[in-house]
Amino acid sequence: MASLTVSVVSADREVWTGSASQVIAKTVDGEIGILGGHEPLLALLASGEVRVTTAAGEKVRVDAEGGFLSVDHDTVTIVAGRAALA
């Protein structure tokens, strides 16, 4: 399975960046899971938790409010109006 390069940023800082095997985020259309090889996507984030499973199997949780999620070529970028590690 392909690895994902993930970046979670808020309006004023980088919250978390690294390699991951999976990302789960809450969007305005419902929860979405992203794995390696996912088709390109742009979605609006809803307030909620973003869950990242790192390549090493660790769980990273980020509380996020507003913003968007972008997926392109195994790169996931999450830009939130407010975000902090949970």
N, C-alpha and C. Protein backbone atom coordinates (compact mmCIF):
# COMPACT_ATOMS: atom_id res chain seq x y z
N MET A 1 0.84 -1.18 0.00
CA MET A 1 0.00 0.00 0.00
C MET A 1 0.89 1.24 0.00
N ALA A 2 0.51 2.22 -0.79
CA ALA A 2 1.27 3.46 -0.89
C ALA A 2 1.15 4.27 0.38
N SER A 3 2.21 4.95 0.70
CA SER A 3 2.25 5.83 1.87
C SER A 3 1.70 7.21 1.49
N LEU A 4 1.12 7.89 2.46
CA LEU A 4 0.61 9.25 2.25
C LEU A 4 1.55 10.26 2.89
N THR A 5 1.70 11.40 2.26
CA THR A 5 2.40 12.52 2.85
C THR A 5 1.31 13.46 3.34
N VAL A 6 1.29 13.71 4.65
CA VAL A 6 0.19 14.46 5.26
C VAL A 6 0.70 15.74 5.90
N SER A 7 -0.05 16.82 5.69
CA SER A 7 0.25 18.10 6.32
C SER A 7 -1.04 18.67 6.87
N VAL A 8 -1.05 18.96 8.17
CA VAL A 8 -2.20 19.58 8.82
C VAL A 8 -1.75 20.95 9.31
N VAL A 9 -2.40 22.01 8.80
CA VAL A 9 -2.03 23.36 9.19
C VAL A 9 -3.27 24.14 9.61
N SER A 10 -3.05 25.09 10.51
CA SER A 10 -4.11 26.02 10.89
C SER A 10 -3.79 27.35 10.23
N ALA A 11 -4.59 28.34 10.49
CA ALA A 11 -4.39 29.65 9.87
C ALA A 11 -3.04 30.26 10.25
N ASP A 12 -2.49 29.88 11.41
CA ASP A 12 -1.27 30.54 11.87
C ASP A 12 -0.06 29.64 12.07
N ARG A 13 -0.23 28.31 11.90
CA ARG A 13 0.94 27.44 12.13
C ARG A 13 0.73 26.04 11.57
N GLU A 14 1.84 25.34 11.45
CA GLU A 14 1.79 23.93 11.07
C GLU A 14 1.51 23.12 12.33
N VAL A 15 0.52 22.23 12.28
CA VAL A 15 0.14 21.44 13.44
C VAL A 15 0.83 20.08 13.43
N TRP A 16 0.82 19.40 12.28
CA TRP A 16 1.47 18.10 12.16
C TRP A 16 1.78 17.82 10.69
N THR A 17 2.96 17.25 10.45
CA THR A 17 3.36 16.84 9.11
C THR A 17 4.11 15.53 9.23
N GLY A 18 3.86 14.62 8.29
CA GLY A 18 4.59 13.37 8.31
C GLY A 18 4.03 12.37 7.32
N SER A 19 4.54 11.15 7.41
CA SER A 19 4.12 10.06 6.55
C SER A 19 3.03 9.27 7.27
N ALA A 20 2.01 8.85 6.53
CA ALA A 20 0.89 8.15 7.15
C ALA A 20 0.38 7.03 6.24
N SER A 21 -0.34 6.11 6.87
CA SER A 21 -0.97 5.04 6.11
C SER A 21 -2.46 5.32 5.90
N GLN A 22 -3.04 6.19 6.76
CA GLN A 22 -4.47 6.46 6.67
C GLN A 22 -4.80 7.81 7.32
N VAL A 23 -5.79 8.49 6.75
CA VAL A 23 -6.32 9.73 7.32
C VAL A 23 -7.84 9.62 7.32
N ILE A 24 -8.46 9.96 8.44
CA ILE A 24 -9.91 10.00 8.53
C ILE A 24 -10.30 11.41 9.00
N ALA A 25 -11.19 12.04 8.26
CA ALA A 25 -11.59 13.42 8.59
C ALA A 25 -13.09 13.58 8.43
N LYS A 26 -13.65 14.52 9.18
CA LYS A 26 -15.07 14.83 9.09
C LYS A 26 -15.25 15.99 8.11
N THR A 27 -16.05 15.75 7.07
CA THR A 27 -16.33 16.80 6.09
C THR A 27 -17.80 17.19 6.22
N VAL A 28 -18.20 18.23 5.51
CA VAL A 28 -19.60 18.65 5.56
C VAL A 28 -20.53 17.60 4.95
N ASP A 29 -19.98 16.67 4.17
CA ASP A 29 -20.78 15.59 3.57
C ASP A 29 -20.68 14.29 4.35
N GLY A 30 -19.94 14.28 5.46
CA GLY A 30 -19.78 13.07 6.26
C GLY A 30 -18.31 12.73 6.45
N GLU A 31 -18.05 11.65 7.16
CA GLU A 31 -16.68 11.24 7.44
C GLU A 31 -16.07 10.57 6.21
N ILE A 32 -14.78 10.83 5.98
CA ILE A 32 -14.11 10.25 4.81
C ILE A 32 -12.79 9.64 5.26
N GLY A 33 -12.46 8.51 4.67
CA GLY A 33 -11.19 7.85 4.92
C GLY A 33 -10.31 7.92 3.68
N ILE A 34 -9.05 8.22 3.88
CA ILE A 34 -8.10 8.35 2.78
C ILE A 34 -6.99 7.33 2.96
N LEU A 35 -6.75 6.52 1.93
CA LEU A 35 -5.64 5.57 1.90
C LEU A 35 -4.77 5.90 0.68
N GLY A 36 -3.59 5.33 0.62
CA GLY A 36 -2.73 5.52 -0.54
C GLY A 36 -3.45 5.15 -1.82
N GLY A 37 -3.22 5.91 -2.88
CA GLY A 37 -3.85 5.65 -4.17
C GLY A 37 -5.23 6.28 -4.32
N HIS A 38 -5.66 7.06 -3.32
CA HIS A 38 -6.98 7.70 -3.39
C HIS A 38 -7.04 8.67 -4.56
N GLU A 39 -8.20 8.75 -5.18
CA GLU A 39 -8.39 9.70 -6.28
C GLU A 39 -8.29 11.13 -5.77
N PRO A 40 -7.93 12.08 -6.64
CA PRO A 40 -7.88 13.49 -6.23
C PRO A 40 -9.23 13.92 -5.66
N LEU A 41 -9.16 14.77 -4.64
CA LEU A 41 -10.36 15.16 -3.91
C LEU A 41 -10.17 16.53 -3.29
N LEU A 42 -11.22 17.30 -3.24
CA LEU A 42 -11.24 18.56 -2.50
C LEU A 42 -12.54 18.56 -1.72
N ALA A 43 -12.47 18.72 -0.39
CA ALA A 43 -13.67 18.66 0.44
C ALA A 43 -13.62 19.75 1.51
N LEU A 44 -14.79 20.24 1.91
CA LEU A 44 -14.88 21.21 3.00
C LEU A 44 -14.90 20.46 4.32
N LEU A 45 -14.07 20.92 5.27
CA LEU A 45 -14.03 20.29 6.59
C LEU A 45 -15.19 20.77 7.44
N ALA A 46 -15.72 19.87 8.23
CA ALA A 46 -16.67 20.22 9.28
C ALA A 46 -15.87 20.24 10.59
N SER A 47 -16.41 20.86 11.62
CA SER A 47 -15.74 20.85 12.92
C SER A 47 -15.70 19.41 13.42
N GLY A 48 -14.54 18.99 13.87
CA GLY A 48 -14.42 17.63 14.37
C GLY A 48 -12.97 17.19 14.42
N GLU A 49 -12.80 15.90 14.61
CA GLU A 49 -11.47 15.34 14.78
C GLU A 49 -10.93 14.78 13.47
N VAL A 50 -9.67 15.07 13.19
CA VAL A 50 -8.94 14.45 12.08
C VAL A 50 -8.06 13.39 12.72
N ARG A 51 -8.16 12.15 12.24
CA ARG A 51 -7.38 11.05 12.79
C ARG A 51 -6.38 10.56 11.74
N VAL A 52 -5.12 10.57 12.12
CA VAL A 52 -4.05 10.14 11.23
C VAL A 52 -3.38 8.92 11.83
N THR A 53 -3.23 7.87 11.04
CA THR A 53 -2.45 6.71 11.44
C THR A 53 -1.11 6.84 10.73
N THR A 54 -0.04 7.02 11.50
CA THR A 54 1.27 7.23 10.91
C THR A 54 1.77 5.94 10.27
N ALA A 55 2.82 6.07 9.48
CA ALA A 55 3.42 4.91 8.83
C ALA A 55 3.93 3.91 9.86
N ALA A 56 4.27 4.39 11.07
CA ALA A 56 4.74 3.53 12.15
C ALA A 56 3.58 2.94 12.97
N GLY A 57 2.35 3.31 12.63
CA GLY A 57 1.19 2.76 13.32
C GLY A 57 0.69 3.60 14.49
N GLU A 58 1.33 4.72 14.77
CA GLU A 58 0.88 5.60 15.86
C GLU A 58 -0.36 6.36 15.43
N LYS A 59 -1.16 6.75 16.40
CA LYS A 59 -2.39 7.52 16.13
C LYS A 59 -2.16 8.98 16.51
N VAL A 60 -2.46 9.89 15.58
CA VAL A 60 -2.38 11.33 15.82
C VAL A 60 -3.78 11.87 15.67
N ARG A 61 -4.23 12.65 16.65
CA ARG A 61 -5.58 13.23 16.61
C ARG A 61 -5.46 14.75 16.64
N VAL A 62 -6.20 15.38 15.73
CA VAL A 62 -6.19 16.85 15.64
C VAL A 62 -7.63 17.33 15.67
N ASP A 63 -7.93 18.26 16.58
CA ASP A 63 -9.24 18.91 16.58
C ASP A 63 -9.18 20.04 15.57
N ALA A 64 -10.09 20.05 14.60
CA ALA A 64 -10.08 21.04 13.53
C ALA A 64 -11.45 21.69 13.37
N GLU A 65 -11.44 22.95 12.99
CA GLU A 65 -12.68 23.69 12.72
C GLU A 65 -12.55 24.41 11.39
N GLY A 66 -13.49 24.14 10.49
CA GLY A 66 -13.54 24.84 9.21
C GLY A 66 -12.32 24.58 8.36
N GLY A 67 -12.38 24.96 7.11
CA GLY A 67 -11.26 24.80 6.20
C GLY A 67 -11.56 23.75 5.14
N PHE A 68 -10.48 23.15 4.61
CA PHE A 68 -10.66 22.16 3.54
C PHE A 68 -9.62 21.07 3.62
N LEU A 69 -9.90 20.00 2.89
CA LEU A 69 -9.02 18.85 2.77
C LEU A 69 -8.77 18.62 1.29
N SER A 70 -7.51 18.44 0.92
CA SER A 70 -7.15 18.21 -0.47
C SER A 70 -6.33 16.93 -0.56
N VAL A 71 -6.64 16.10 -1.56
CA VAL A 71 -5.87 14.88 -1.82
C VAL A 71 -5.42 14.92 -3.27
N ASP A 72 -4.12 14.72 -3.49
CA ASP A 72 -3.59 14.69 -4.84
C ASP A 72 -2.26 13.94 -4.84
N HIS A 73 -2.17 12.87 -5.60
CA HIS A 73 -0.94 12.07 -5.75
C HIS A 73 -0.37 11.64 -4.39
N ASP A 74 -1.20 11.03 -3.56
CA ASP A 74 -0.81 10.53 -2.24
C ASP A 74 -0.30 11.62 -1.30
N THR A 75 -0.71 12.86 -1.55
CA THR A 75 -0.43 13.98 -0.66
C THR A 75 -1.74 14.51 -0.13
N VAL A 76 -1.88 14.52 1.20
CA VAL A 76 -3.09 15.01 1.85
C VAL A 76 -2.73 16.32 2.55
N THR A 77 -3.45 17.37 2.20
CA THR A 77 -3.24 18.67 2.83
C THR A 77 -4.55 19.07 3.50
N ILE A 78 -4.45 19.36 4.80
CA ILE A 78 -5.61 19.79 5.56
C ILE A 78 -5.32 21.19 6.07
N VAL A 79 -6.14 22.15 5.62
CA VAL A 79 -5.98 23.55 6.03
C VAL A 79 -7.23 23.91 6.82
N ALA A 80 -7.06 24.20 8.11
CA ALA A 80 -8.20 24.49 8.98
C ALA A 80 -8.08 25.92 9.52
N GLY A 81 -9.23 26.53 9.76
CA GLY A 81 -9.23 27.85 10.38
C GLY A 81 -8.64 27.80 11.77
N ARG A 82 -8.93 26.71 12.50
CA ARG A 82 -8.36 26.46 13.81
C ARG A 82 -8.05 24.98 13.91
N ALA A 83 -6.87 24.64 14.38
CA ALA A 83 -6.49 23.24 14.55
C ALA A 83 -5.47 23.11 15.68
N ALA A 84 -5.62 22.06 16.47
CA ALA A 84 -4.68 21.80 17.56
C ALA A 84 -4.65 20.29 17.81
N LEU A 85 -3.48 19.81 18.22
CA LEU A 85 -3.37 18.39 18.57
C LEU A 85 -4.32 18.10 19.72
N ALA A 86 -5.02 16.98 19.62
CA ALA A 86 -5.99 16.62 20.68
C ALA A 86 -5.28 15.89 21.80
